Protein backbone atom coordinates (compact mmCIF):
# COMPACT_ATOMS: atom_id res chain seq x y z
CA MET A 1 42.92 9.38 2.86
CA VAL A 2 41.81 5.84 2.09
CA VAL A 3 43.15 2.99 4.21
CA GLN A 4 43.21 -0.36 2.34
CA ALA A 5 44.31 -3.89 3.13
CA ARG A 6 47.62 -4.64 1.34
CA ALA A 7 46.94 -8.37 1.48
CA GLY A 8 44.08 -10.74 2.17
CA GLY A 9 43.70 -12.00 5.74
CA PHE A 10 41.58 -12.12 8.90
CA VAL A 11 40.94 -9.30 11.39
CA GLN A 12 42.28 -10.38 14.81
CA ARG A 13 41.70 -7.17 16.71
CA VAL A 14 39.84 -3.90 16.19
CA TYR A 15 40.81 -0.85 18.24
CA ALA A 16 38.16 1.34 19.85
CA ARG A 17 37.44 3.67 16.89
CA ALA A 18 34.23 4.95 15.38
CA PRO A 19 33.20 7.29 12.55
CA GLY A 20 33.59 10.88 13.65
CA ASP A 21 36.54 10.23 15.94
CA ILE A 22 39.58 12.48 15.49
CA ILE A 23 42.81 10.48 15.43
CA ALA A 24 46.50 11.27 15.08
CA ALA A 25 48.84 10.00 12.35
CA GLY A 26 49.99 6.49 13.13
CA ALA A 27 47.01 5.64 15.41
CA PRO A 28 46.22 1.89 15.24
CA LEU A 29 42.96 0.85 13.59
CA ALA A 30 43.14 -3.00 13.41
CA ASP A 31 45.48 -6.00 13.54
CA VAL A 32 45.20 -8.26 10.52
CA LEU A 33 46.62 -11.82 10.15
CA THR A 34 48.04 -12.26 6.66
CA PRO A 35 48.97 -15.94 6.10
CA GLU A 36 50.30 -15.44 2.54
CA TRP A 37 53.03 -13.14 3.87
CA GLY A 38 54.28 -15.78 6.28
CA GLY A 39 55.60 -18.06 3.54
CA ALA A 40 57.31 -15.21 1.69
CA GLN A 41 58.97 -13.97 4.87
CA THR A 42 60.21 -17.52 5.70
CA GLU A 43 61.76 -17.78 2.29
CA PHE A 44 63.38 -14.39 2.69
CA LEU A 45 64.98 -15.40 5.99
CA ALA A 46 66.24 -18.62 4.42
CA VAL A 47 67.78 -16.74 1.49
CA ARG A 48 69.32 -14.24 3.92
CA ARG A 49 71.18 -16.99 5.63
CA THR A 50 72.97 -17.87 2.34
CA GLY A 51 74.69 -14.52 2.42
CA ASP A 52 74.31 -13.98 -1.33
CA PRO A 53 73.73 -10.20 -1.73
CA ALA A 54 71.95 -10.53 -5.13
CA LEU A 55 69.56 -13.24 -3.88
CA ILE A 56 68.86 -11.30 -0.65
CA ALA A 57 68.08 -8.12 -2.62
CA ALA A 58 65.72 -10.06 -4.93
CA ALA A 59 63.95 -11.67 -1.96
CA ARG A 60 63.59 -8.27 -0.26
CA GLN A 61 62.21 -6.84 -3.46
CA ARG A 62 59.60 -9.62 -3.61
CA LEU A 63 58.40 -8.76 -0.08
CA ALA A 64 57.97 -5.14 -1.14
CA LEU A 65 55.99 -6.19 -4.26
CA LEU A 66 53.68 -8.23 -2.06
CA GLY A 67 52.73 -4.97 -0.26
CA MET A 68 54.93 -5.10 2.85
CA SER A 69 56.13 -1.72 4.15
CA PRO A 70 59.89 -0.98 4.49
CA SER A 71 59.47 -0.88 8.29
CA LEU A 72 57.88 -4.36 8.37
CA ILE A 73 60.65 -5.80 6.18
CA ALA A 74 63.30 -4.21 8.47
CA SER A 75 61.55 -5.64 11.51
CA VAL A 76 61.59 -9.17 9.97
CA GLU A 77 65.30 -8.85 9.26
CA ARG A 78 66.05 -7.62 12.79
CA SER A 79 64.00 -10.32 14.60
CA GLY A 80 64.79 -13.19 12.24
CA ARG A 81 61.19 -14.41 12.52
CA PRO A 82 58.16 -14.14 10.23
CA GLN A 83 55.62 -11.51 11.28
CA THR A 84 52.21 -12.37 9.85
CA VAL A 85 50.10 -10.11 12.10
CA VAL A 86 50.16 -6.62 10.64
CA ARG A 87 48.93 -3.57 12.47
CA ILE A 88 46.91 -1.22 10.23
CA THR A 89 47.49 2.41 11.22
CA ALA A 90 46.23 5.79 10.10
CA PRO A 91 48.55 7.32 7.42
CA GLY A 92 47.73 10.82 8.64
CA GLY A 93 45.76 12.67 11.32
CA GLY A 94 42.16 13.61 10.76
CA VAL A 95 38.51 12.61 11.33
CA ILE A 96 37.27 9.09 10.56
CA ARG A 97 34.66 9.35 7.89
CA THR A 98 33.95 5.59 7.40
CA LEU A 99 35.17 2.56 9.20
CA SER A 100 34.45 -0.84 7.57
CA VAL A 101 36.53 -3.21 9.66
CA ARG A 102 35.07 -5.62 12.26
CA ASN A 103 36.66 -8.14 14.56
CA GLY A 104 36.87 -11.60 12.96
CA MET A 105 35.97 -10.55 9.42
CA THR A 106 37.84 -11.64 6.34
CA VAL A 107 39.47 -8.96 4.23
CA SER A 108 40.73 -9.14 0.67
CA GLN A 109 43.67 -7.35 -0.92
CA GLY A 110 42.72 -3.79 -1.85
CA GLN A 111 39.56 -3.76 0.31
CA THR A 112 38.84 -0.30 1.87
CA LEU A 113 39.00 -0.51 5.67
CA ALA A 114 38.58 3.21 6.56
CA GLU A 115 38.36 6.71 5.08
CA ILE A 116 40.04 9.55 6.94
CA SER A 117 39.63 13.26 6.19
CA GLY A 118 42.65 15.32 7.15
CA LEU A 119 42.03 18.46 9.23
CA GLY A 120 45.26 20.37 8.53
CA SER A 121 43.17 22.53 6.26
CA VAL A 122 39.44 22.52 5.68
CA TRP A 123 37.05 23.56 2.92
CA LEU A 124 34.31 26.14 3.46
CA ASN A 125 31.60 25.90 0.75
CA VAL A 126 30.33 29.43 0.28
CA SER A 127 26.99 30.06 -1.56
CA VAL A 128 27.58 33.00 -3.84
CA PRO A 129 24.52 34.72 -5.44
CA GLU A 130 24.47 34.33 -9.19
CA ALA A 131 24.51 38.12 -9.68
CA MET A 132 27.88 38.29 -7.81
CA ALA A 133 29.51 35.28 -9.48
CA GLY A 134 31.56 37.46 -11.77
CA GLN A 135 33.31 39.12 -8.77
CA VAL A 136 34.65 35.90 -7.34
CA ARG A 137 37.75 34.22 -8.78
CA PRO A 138 40.14 31.47 -7.75
CA GLY A 139 43.01 32.71 -5.57
CA GLN A 140 40.92 35.53 -4.10
CA THR A 141 41.44 36.29 -0.41
CA VAL A 142 38.46 35.62 1.84
CA THR A 143 37.82 36.68 5.48
CA VAL A 144 35.62 34.24 7.37
CA THR A 145 33.72 34.65 10.63
CA LEU A 146 32.27 31.54 12.29
CA THR A 147 29.37 31.27 14.64
CA ALA A 148 31.49 29.10 16.92
CA PHE A 149 34.12 31.83 17.34
CA PRO A 150 32.40 35.22 17.50
CA GLY A 151 34.59 38.23 16.99
CA GLU A 152 37.42 36.10 15.47
CA GLN A 153 38.34 36.23 11.80
CA PHE A 154 39.96 33.45 9.72
CA ALA A 155 41.85 34.21 6.52
CA GLY A 156 41.38 31.83 3.57
CA ARG A 157 41.63 31.67 -0.17
CA VAL A 158 39.23 30.62 -2.93
CA SER A 159 40.62 27.29 -4.23
CA ALA A 160 37.85 26.53 -6.76
CA ILE A 161 34.45 27.66 -8.08
CA LEU A 162 32.23 24.66 -8.70
CA PRO A 163 30.85 24.61 -12.27
CA GLU A 164 27.12 24.18 -11.52
CA ALA A 165 24.60 26.59 -10.02
CA ALA A 166 21.99 25.49 -7.49
CA ALA A 167 18.65 25.69 -9.33
CA GLU A 168 16.63 26.30 -6.12
CA SER A 169 18.67 29.18 -4.69
CA ARG A 170 20.37 30.47 -7.86
CA THR A 171 23.75 30.40 -6.18
CA LEU A 172 27.19 29.14 -7.15
CA THR A 173 29.46 27.35 -4.66
CA ALA A 174 32.95 28.80 -4.06
CA ARG A 175 35.26 26.45 -2.26
CA VAL A 176 37.42 28.38 0.27
CA GLU A 177 40.45 26.71 1.79
CA LEU A 178 41.11 27.61 5.44
CA PRO A 179 44.22 26.69 7.46
CA ASN A 180 43.14 24.75 10.53
CA ARG A 181 45.73 25.37 13.15
CA GLY A 182 45.07 23.39 16.27
CA GLY A 183 42.14 21.56 14.62
CA ARG A 184 39.58 24.09 15.86
CA LEU A 185 37.53 24.11 12.65
CA ARG A 186 35.26 21.11 12.40
CA PRO A 187 33.18 19.75 9.51
CA GLY A 188 29.60 21.01 9.59
CA MET A 189 30.32 24.47 11.12
CA TYR A 190 28.59 27.53 9.66
CA GLY A 191 30.01 30.96 8.97
CA GLN A 192 29.96 34.09 6.76
CA ALA A 193 32.57 34.99 4.15
CA GLN A 194 33.71 38.34 2.93
CA PHE A 195 35.58 38.43 -0.33
CA ALA A 196 38.48 40.84 -0.57
CA GLY A 197 38.37 43.49 -3.22
CA ALA A 198 38.62 47.20 -3.74
CA ALA A 199 35.39 49.11 -2.99
CA SER A 200 34.08 50.84 -6.13
CA PRO A 201 31.48 53.64 -6.25
CA ALA A 202 28.12 52.78 -7.60
CA LEU A 203 24.84 54.59 -8.39
CA LEU A 204 22.02 52.92 -6.49
CA VAL A 205 18.23 53.22 -6.68
CA PRO A 206 15.51 51.36 -4.73
CA SER A 207 14.80 48.04 -6.51
CA GLU A 208 11.07 48.79 -6.61
CA ALA A 209 11.86 51.92 -8.68
CA VAL A 210 13.00 49.74 -11.62
CA ILE A 211 10.31 48.75 -14.16
CA ARG A 212 11.34 45.65 -16.17
CA THR A 213 9.30 45.24 -19.31
CA GLY A 214 11.10 42.20 -20.64
CA ARG A 215 12.89 44.15 -23.39
CA ARG A 216 14.36 46.97 -21.28
CA ALA A 217 14.46 48.49 -17.83
CA LEU A 218 12.91 51.87 -17.00
CA VAL A 219 12.77 54.28 -14.10
CA MET A 220 10.41 57.25 -13.67
CA LEU A 221 12.18 60.58 -13.28
CA ALA A 222 10.57 63.29 -11.20
CA GLN A 223 10.78 66.65 -12.98
CA PRO A 224 9.86 70.24 -11.98
CA GLY A 225 6.23 71.13 -12.01
CA GLY A 226 5.04 67.75 -10.82
CA ARG A 227 5.79 66.14 -14.13
CA PHE A 228 7.35 62.74 -14.72
CA ARG A 229 9.35 61.20 -17.58
CA PRO A 230 10.43 57.59 -18.15
CA ALA A 231 14.15 56.91 -18.61
CA GLU A 232 15.71 53.76 -19.95
CA VAL A 233 18.52 52.40 -17.75
CA GLN A 234 21.03 49.59 -17.68
CA VAL A 235 20.86 47.74 -14.39
CA GLY A 236 23.69 45.90 -12.68
CA ARG A 237 23.96 44.01 -9.40
CA GLU A 238 21.13 43.86 -6.91
CA ALA A 239 21.53 43.41 -3.17
CA GLY A 240 18.84 43.71 -0.59
CA ASP A 241 16.46 46.46 -1.72
CA ARG A 242 18.97 48.39 -3.84
CA THR A 243 19.82 48.00 -7.52
CA GLU A 244 22.94 49.26 -9.19
CA ILE A 245 22.46 51.55 -12.27
CA LEU A 246 25.28 51.21 -14.79
CA ALA A 247 23.96 53.67 -17.39
CA GLY A 248 21.01 55.98 -18.02
CA LEU A 249 21.01 58.02 -14.80
CA HIS A 250 23.16 60.63 -13.17
CA ALA A 251 23.86 61.23 -9.51
CA GLY A 252 21.31 63.71 -8.07
CA GLU A 253 18.42 62.86 -10.33
CA GLN A 254 15.22 61.94 -8.50
CA VAL A 255 13.35 58.74 -9.35
CA VAL A 256 9.88 57.58 -8.31
CA ALA A 257 10.08 54.66 -5.90
CA SER A 258 6.32 54.09 -5.46
CA GLY A 259 3.43 54.11 -7.93
CA GLN A 260 5.70 54.05 -10.96
CA PHE A 261 3.66 51.31 -12.71
CA LEU A 262 0.64 53.59 -12.85
CA LEU A 263 2.76 56.44 -14.14
CA ASP A 264 4.31 54.16 -16.77
CA SER A 265 0.83 53.14 -17.98
CA GLU A 266 -0.25 56.82 -18.27
CA ALA A 267 3.02 57.71 -20.05
CA SER A 268 2.50 54.88 -22.55
CA LEU A 269 -1.09 56.00 -23.23
CA ALA A 270 0.12 59.58 -23.80
CA GLY A 271 2.81 58.42 -26.23
CA VAL A 272 5.68 59.79 -24.19
CA GLN A 273 9.03 58.49 -25.37
CA ALA A 274 11.46 57.21 -22.71
CA ARG A 275 14.82 58.99 -22.41
CA PRO A 276 17.38 56.69 -24.11
CA ILE A 277 20.65 55.56 -22.57
CA PRO A 278 23.44 57.92 -23.71
CA SER A 279 25.66 56.31 -26.36
CA THR A 280 28.86 57.63 -24.75
CA PRO A 281 29.44 56.04 -21.38
CA PRO A 282 30.69 58.27 -18.55
CA ALA A 283 34.40 58.23 -17.76
CA ALA A 284 35.37 55.50 -15.30
CA ALA A 285 36.31 56.61 -11.81
CA PRO A 286 40.00 56.28 -11.07
CA SER A 287 41.03 53.17 -9.13
CA THR A 288 42.24 53.50 -5.58
CA ALA A 289 45.91 52.72 -5.14
CA TYR A 290 47.39 50.74 -2.19
CA GLU A 291 50.96 50.58 -1.12
CA THR A 292 52.90 48.04 0.91
CA THR A 293 56.15 46.10 1.08
CA GLY A 294 57.00 42.49 0.32
CA ARG A 295 59.42 40.04 -1.30
CA ILE A 296 59.42 38.71 -4.83
CA GLU A 297 58.67 34.97 -4.95
CA ARG A 298 58.31 34.53 -8.69
CA LEU A 299 58.66 36.56 -11.93
CA GLN A 300 57.17 35.36 -15.21
CA GLY A 301 56.35 37.83 -18.02
CA ARG A 302 53.68 40.21 -16.71
CA SER A 303 52.92 37.99 -13.71
CA ILE A 304 54.64 38.58 -10.36
CA THR A 305 54.13 36.62 -7.14
CA LEU A 306 54.76 38.61 -3.93
CA SER A 307 54.77 37.77 -0.22
CA HIS A 308 53.53 41.05 1.11
CA GLN A 309 52.74 42.71 4.43
CA PRO A 310 49.12 43.38 5.49
CA VAL A 311 47.01 45.91 3.58
CA PRO A 312 44.69 47.41 6.24
CA ALA A 313 42.62 49.38 3.68
CA LEU A 314 41.50 46.09 2.05
CA GLN A 315 41.49 44.05 5.29
CA TRP A 316 44.16 41.79 3.71
CA PRO A 317 46.45 39.91 6.11
CA ALA A 318 50.10 39.23 5.23
CA MET A 319 50.10 36.61 2.48
CA THR A 320 51.57 35.39 -0.77
CA MET A 321 49.58 36.17 -3.96
CA SER A 322 49.99 36.90 -7.69
CA PHE A 323 49.74 40.33 -9.24
CA THR A 324 49.78 41.57 -12.85
CA LEU A 325 52.45 44.14 -13.86
CA ALA A 326 50.94 47.19 -15.59
CA ASP A 327 54.11 47.28 -17.69
CA PRO A 328 56.67 44.37 -17.89
CA LYS A 329 59.43 47.02 -17.81
CA LEU A 330 58.57 47.57 -14.09
CA ALA A 331 60.42 44.37 -13.29
CA LYS A 332 63.66 45.43 -14.95
CA GLY A 333 66.57 44.80 -12.58
CA LEU A 334 64.47 42.82 -10.12
CA LYS A 335 64.81 39.13 -9.30
CA THR A 336 63.32 36.45 -7.11
CA GLY A 337 64.05 37.09 -3.43
CA ASP A 338 64.37 40.88 -3.69
CA PRO A 339 62.62 42.95 -0.96
CA VAL A 340 60.43 45.59 -2.62
CA ARG A 341 57.99 48.38 -1.98
CA PHE A 342 55.14 48.48 -4.50
CA ALA A 343 51.83 50.24 -5.22
CA PHE A 344 48.88 48.51 -6.81
CA ASP A 345 45.22 48.93 -7.59
CA GLN A 346 42.39 46.60 -8.49
CA ALA A 347 41.22 48.03 -11.78
CA GLY A 348 38.73 45.58 -13.29
CA GLY A 349 38.98 43.37 -10.20
CA VAL A 350 42.57 42.31 -11.06
CA PRO A 351 45.34 43.33 -8.65
CA THR A 352 47.75 45.30 -10.87
CA VAL A 353 51.14 46.62 -9.79
CA ARG A 354 51.65 50.22 -10.90
CA ARG A 355 54.95 51.04 -9.16
CA ILE A 356 57.63 48.79 -7.70
CA ALA A 357 61.13 49.47 -6.41
CA LYS A 358 63.75 47.38 -4.70
CA LEU A 359 64.41 48.15 -1.02
CA ASP A 360 67.99 48.71 0.11
CA ALA A 361 69.53 46.89 3.08
CA ALA A 362 68.25 49.58 5.44
CA GLY A 363 64.67 48.97 4.24
């Protein structure tokens, strides 16, 4: 929120405020003498005494166009006297970011006197590794733990993903909006964020087992008889000291996690060909289904917005969010406001409703 002077004048009084202070809506910031308003208010009072409704309305409109608030105009009408000293107040509660008003200074119309950041909800800027950027999307639910409140969790939602990556850390910034009930969350606090989503099985190998040649990625397979064979693999995400293998390996195969560079050199000298990645990918594992109850807030084509109860398996609190209907026919006979029971999964990272039925009055 930006607080500006509506007219030129002189600061007669500054209240005891400073940047960083938390103030409530309507808290006074400064008293400003506005001489140019005095003449307009005197004319308005003179016109008001004529009793002509049209002239009175035009004079009142002129005061509004000069920047006077409806409450100030009403006060002038009630008192019958010009009021040239205007009290500048905070339009909303929050923390003062900048305060540029001083006692005795001259202000011009439109000059910024203060900037106030509201604390009804706050932003948490989360650094997301570049390798995980594809898993984060706007609207996704986030669970946040803060150092200031150990053991307590705060539920938020991704409001935006900033377009640029940090060159130094190779991370993207996800902006998470958190409700700030009671004003407990303060700018500058640190925390950790956990993005909601269905857990999916993955084949992992030690990161040091992967040989990257620039054109492809290889691992060394341990075979019977103390023999080794290179195998080409397709790598996915990497976290800590583990790397996901998307193709080229099967569960149960043994890979060499130490000394593989020497083995790779010997294999190249011997002319051993690496095992290629199979052309037919393995069948995808079925997605896990979750079931809960809720109420329909909006229906539009294949999109449905539901206010649903908590989903403990995903650590989701009760909230309102959008889903995709696996088949638009699932919504036949349903309308906004209906209580429903539904089952969904997160195939491809998109919450998709697979079954939905209206609940009767007995629930």
